[in-house]
Amino acid sequence: MRLRWARLAQMVRWLLALILLTAALAACQTEEATPSAKFPVGSRVRFVGDTESIILYIDCGSVINKIAGVANMDDAAVTLDRKYCDGRWWYQVQVPALKDEDWKGIGWAAEENLKAK
């Protein structure tokens, strides 16, 4: 009976390991599945869109994200980093016109809101 429980416990451990591995692999996105980014890090860009201003976020993605600041259309920026999340490319940008003693003018913007300068 003891051997039976030991085998059952080992099977459960293997099953949990398999489930965790499957979940980890599903969360990973291969380079082939990710579309090409428009801008390399260090690019000079400006903001574009259908509104007068663009919200810059603290991190990439727009789901329940804190606002870092607001950029105006045609404000110039430099890309500092980029990430693919929420099904699109996001760029960490620094907007020199928004920099002050309280904020470095840095936030994340979606690729569709940026255009090469």
C-alpha atoms as a PDB file:
ATOM      1  CA  MET A   1       0.000   0.000   0.000  1.00  0.00           C
ATOM      2  CA  ARG A   2       2.836   2.366   0.867  1.00  0.00           C
ATOM      3  CA  LEU A   3       4.478   1.761  -2.531  1.00  0.00           C
ATOM      4  CA  ARG A   4       1.189   2.521  -4.250  1.00  0.00           C
ATOM      5  CA  TRP A   5       0.922   5.935  -2.529  1.00  0.00           C
ATOM      6  CA  ALA A   6       4.547   6.721  -3.355  1.00  0.00           C
ATOM      7  CA  ARG A   7       3.913   5.982  -7.040  1.00  0.00           C
ATOM      8  CA  LEU A   8       0.749   8.081  -6.993  1.00  0.00           C
ATOM      9  CA  ALA A   9       2.610  10.982  -5.368  1.00  0.00           C
ATOM     10  CA  GLN A  10       5.357  10.761  -7.984  1.00  0.00           C
ATOM     11  CA  MET A  11       2.800  10.708 -10.805  1.00  0.00           C
ATOM     12  CA  VAL A  12       1.136  13.814  -9.360  1.00  0.00           C
ATOM     13  CA  ARG A  13       4.526  15.592  -9.167  1.00  0.00           C
ATOM     14  CA  TRP A  14       5.264  14.710 -12.802  1.00  0.00           C
ATOM     15  CA  LEU A  15       1.823  15.865 -13.865  1.00  0.00           C
ATOM     16  CA  LEU A  16       2.247  19.194 -12.063  1.00  0.00           C
ATOM     17  CA  ALA A  17       5.692  19.650 -13.615  1.00  0.00           C
ATOM     18  CA  LEU A  18       4.238  18.955 -17.066  1.00  0.00           C
ATOM     19  CA  ILE A  19       1.406  21.442 -16.507  1.00  0.00           C
ATOM     20  CA  LEU A  20       3.830  24.141 -15.338  1.00  0.00           C
ATOM     21  CA  LEU A  21       6.147  23.520 -18.286  1.00  0.00           C
ATOM     22  CA  THR A  22       3.243  23.694 -20.742  1.00  0.00           C
ATOM     23  CA  ALA A  23       2.033  26.957 -19.211  1.00  0.00           C
ATOM     24  CA  ALA A  24       5.527  28.456 -19.342  1.00  0.00           C
ATOM     25  CA  LEU A  25       5.984  27.501 -22.985  1.00  0.00           C
ATOM     26  CA  ALA A  26       2.560  28.841 -23.918  1.00  0.00           C
ATOM     27  CA  ALA A  27       3.404  32.180 -22.312  1.00  0.00           C
ATOM     28  CA  CYS A  28       6.600  32.496 -24.337  1.00  0.00           C
ATOM     29  CA  GLN A  29       6.306  34.089 -27.728  1.00  0.00           C
ATOM     30  CA  THR A  30       8.819  33.154 -30.371  1.00  0.00           C
ATOM     31  CA  GLU A  31      10.556  35.716 -32.535  1.00  0.00           C
ATOM     32  CA  GLU A  32       8.778  34.264 -35.588  1.00  0.00           C
ATOM     33  CA  ALA A  33       5.381  35.065 -34.056  1.00  0.00           C
ATOM     34  CA  THR A  34       6.361  38.629 -33.152  1.00  0.00           C
ATOM     35  CA  PRO A  35       6.011  41.212 -35.937  1.00  0.00           C
ATOM     36  CA  SER A  36       9.026  43.366 -36.721  1.00  0.00           C
ATOM     37  CA  ALA A  37       9.442  46.549 -34.731  1.00  0.00           C
ATOM     38  CA  LYS A  38       9.504  49.801 -36.740  1.00  0.00           C
ATOM     39  CA  PHE A  39      12.044  51.675 -34.636  1.00  0.00           C
ATOM     40  CA  PRO A  40      15.374  50.582 -33.195  1.00  0.00           C
ATOM     41  CA  VAL A  41      16.378  51.818 -29.751  1.00  0.00           C
ATOM     42  CA  GLY A  42      17.874  55.308 -30.086  1.00  0.00           C
ATOM     43  CA  SER A  43      15.511  56.385 -32.899  1.00  0.00           C
ATOM     44  CA  ARG A  44      14.235  59.936 -33.080  1.00  0.00           C
ATOM     45  CA  VAL A  45      10.455  59.883 -33.336  1.00  0.00           C
ATOM     46  CA  ARG A  46       7.460  62.160 -33.002  1.00  0.00           C
ATOM     47  CA  PHE A  47       3.923  61.514 -31.807  1.00  0.00           C
ATOM     48  CA  VAL A  48       1.063  61.082 -34.273  1.00  0.00           C
ATOM     49  CA  GLY A  49      -2.583  60.120 -33.990  1.00  0.00           C
ATOM     50  CA  ASP A  50      -6.196  61.216 -34.175  1.00  0.00           C
ATOM     51  CA  THR A  51      -6.146  63.147 -30.907  1.00  0.00           C
ATOM     52  CA  GLU A  52      -4.340  66.237 -29.641  1.00  0.00           C
ATOM     53  CA  SER A  53      -2.255  64.284 -27.156  1.00  0.00           C
ATOM     54  CA  ILE A  54      -0.920  60.819 -26.395  1.00  0.00           C
ATOM     55  CA  ILE A  55      -0.862  59.215 -22.957  1.00  0.00           C
ATOM     56  CA  LEU A  56       2.522  57.897 -21.855  1.00  0.00           C
ATOM     57  CA  TYR A  57       2.348  54.941 -19.491  1.00  0.00           C
ATOM     58  CA  ILE A  58       4.628  53.768 -16.679  1.00  0.00           C
ATOM     59  CA  ASP A  59       5.064  50.367 -18.392  1.00  0.00           C
ATOM     60  CA  CYS A  60       4.179  48.828 -21.744  1.00  0.00           C
ATOM     61  CA  GLY A  61       0.621  47.698 -22.357  1.00  0.00           C
ATOM     62  CA  SER A  62      -2.578  49.573 -21.748  1.00  0.00           C
ATOM     63  CA  VAL A  63      -4.518  47.260 -19.443  1.00  0.00           C
ATOM     64  CA  ILE A  64      -4.768  48.782 -15.964  1.00  0.00           C
ATOM     65  CA  ASN A  65      -1.626  50.825 -16.432  1.00  0.00           C
ATOM     66  CA  LYS A  66      -0.623  53.969 -14.588  1.00  0.00           C
ATOM     67  CA  ILE A  67      -0.158  57.162 -16.564  1.00  0.00           C
ATOM     68  CA  ALA A  68       3.349  58.643 -16.556  1.00  0.00           C
ATOM     69  CA  GLY A  69       2.439  61.798 -18.484  1.00  0.00           C
ATOM     70  CA  VAL A  70       0.911  63.216 -21.633  1.00  0.00           C
ATOM     71  CA  ALA A  71       2.719  64.150 -24.852  1.00  0.00           C
ATOM     72  CA  ASN A  72       1.376  66.521 -27.495  1.00  0.00           C
ATOM     73  CA  MET A  73       1.140  65.731 -31.186  1.00  0.00           C
ATOM     74  CA  ASP A  74       4.415  66.379 -33.007  1.00  0.00           C
ATOM     75  CA  ASP A  75       6.436  66.380 -29.755  1.00  0.00           C
ATOM     76  CA  ALA A  76       9.876  64.957 -30.470  1.00  0.00           C
ATOM     77  CA  ALA A  77      11.130  61.938 -28.525  1.00  0.00           C
ATOM     78  CA  VAL A  78      13.929  59.379 -28.472  1.00  0.00           C
ATOM     79  CA  THR A  79      13.277  55.649 -28.065  1.00  0.00           C
ATOM     80  CA  LEU A  80      15.075  54.198 -25.032  1.00  0.00           C
ATOM     81  CA  ASP A  81      13.698  50.644 -25.037  1.00  0.00           C
ATOM     82  CA  ARG A  82      11.022  48.524 -26.701  1.00  0.00           C
ATOM     83  CA  LYS A  83       8.861  45.563 -25.709  1.00  0.00           C
ATOM     84  CA  TYR A  84       6.235  43.476 -27.439  1.00  0.00           C
ATOM     85  CA  CYS A  85       3.200  43.166 -25.179  1.00  0.00           C
ATOM     86  CA  ASP A  86      -0.565  43.173 -25.538  1.00  0.00           C
ATOM     87  CA  GLY A  87      -0.162  42.169 -29.197  1.00  0.00           C
ATOM     88  CA  ARG A  88       1.826  45.206 -30.308  1.00  0.00           C
ATOM     89  CA  TRP A  89       5.159  46.984 -29.941  1.00  0.00           C
ATOM     90  CA  TRP A  90       5.575  49.532 -27.165  1.00  0.00           C
ATOM     91  CA  TYR A  91       8.464  51.968 -26.895  1.00  0.00           C
ATOM     92  CA  GLN A  92       9.909  53.601 -23.842  1.00  0.00           C
ATOM     93  CA  VAL A  93      10.502  57.153 -24.983  1.00  0.00           C
ATOM     94  CA  GLN A  94      11.987  60.288 -23.511  1.00  0.00           C
ATOM     95  CA  VAL A  95      10.343  63.561 -24.485  1.00  0.00           C
ATOM     96  CA  PRO A  96      12.800  66.417 -23.834  1.00  0.00           C
ATOM     97  CA  ALA A  97      10.014  69.046 -23.983  1.00  0.00           C
ATOM     98  CA  LEU A  98       8.265  67.368 -21.019  1.00  0.00           C
ATOM     99  CA  LYS A  99      11.311  66.958 -18.804  1.00  0.00           C
ATOM    100  CA  ASP A 100      11.252  68.904 -15.535  1.00  0.00           C
ATOM    101  CA  GLU A 101      12.540  68.519 -11.990  1.00  0.00           C
ATOM    102  CA  ASP A 102       9.661  66.164 -11.046  1.00  0.00           C
ATOM    103  CA  TRP A 103       9.554  63.983 -14.164  1.00  0.00           C
ATOM    104  CA  LYS A 104      12.260  62.923 -16.598  1.00  0.00           C
ATOM    105  CA  GLY A 105       9.796  62.960 -19.507  1.00  0.00           C
ATOM    106  CA  ILE A 106      10.016  59.171 -19.845  1.00  0.00           C
ATOM    107  CA  GLY A 107       7.056  56.883 -20.552  1.00  0.00           C
ATOM    108  CA  TRP A 108       5.806  54.077 -22.792  1.00  0.00           C
ATOM    109  CA  ALA A 109       3.863  54.690 -26.016  1.00  0.00           C
ATOM    110  CA  ALA A 110       2.352  52.254 -28.519  1.00  0.00           C
ATOM    111  CA  GLU A 111       4.076  51.957 -31.898  1.00  0.00           C
ATOM    112  CA  GLU A 112       1.046  53.237 -33.810  1.00  0.00           C
ATOM    113  CA  ASN A 113       1.394  56.575 -31.996  1.00  0.00           C
ATOM    114  CA  LEU A 114       4.960  57.121 -33.196  1.00  0.00           C
ATOM    115  CA  LYS A 115       6.445  58.170 -36.524  1.00  0.00           C
ATOM    116  CA  ALA A 116      10.083  58.546 -37.580  1.00  0.00           C
ATOM    117  CA  LYS A 117      11.241  62.130 -37.270  1.00  0.00           C
END
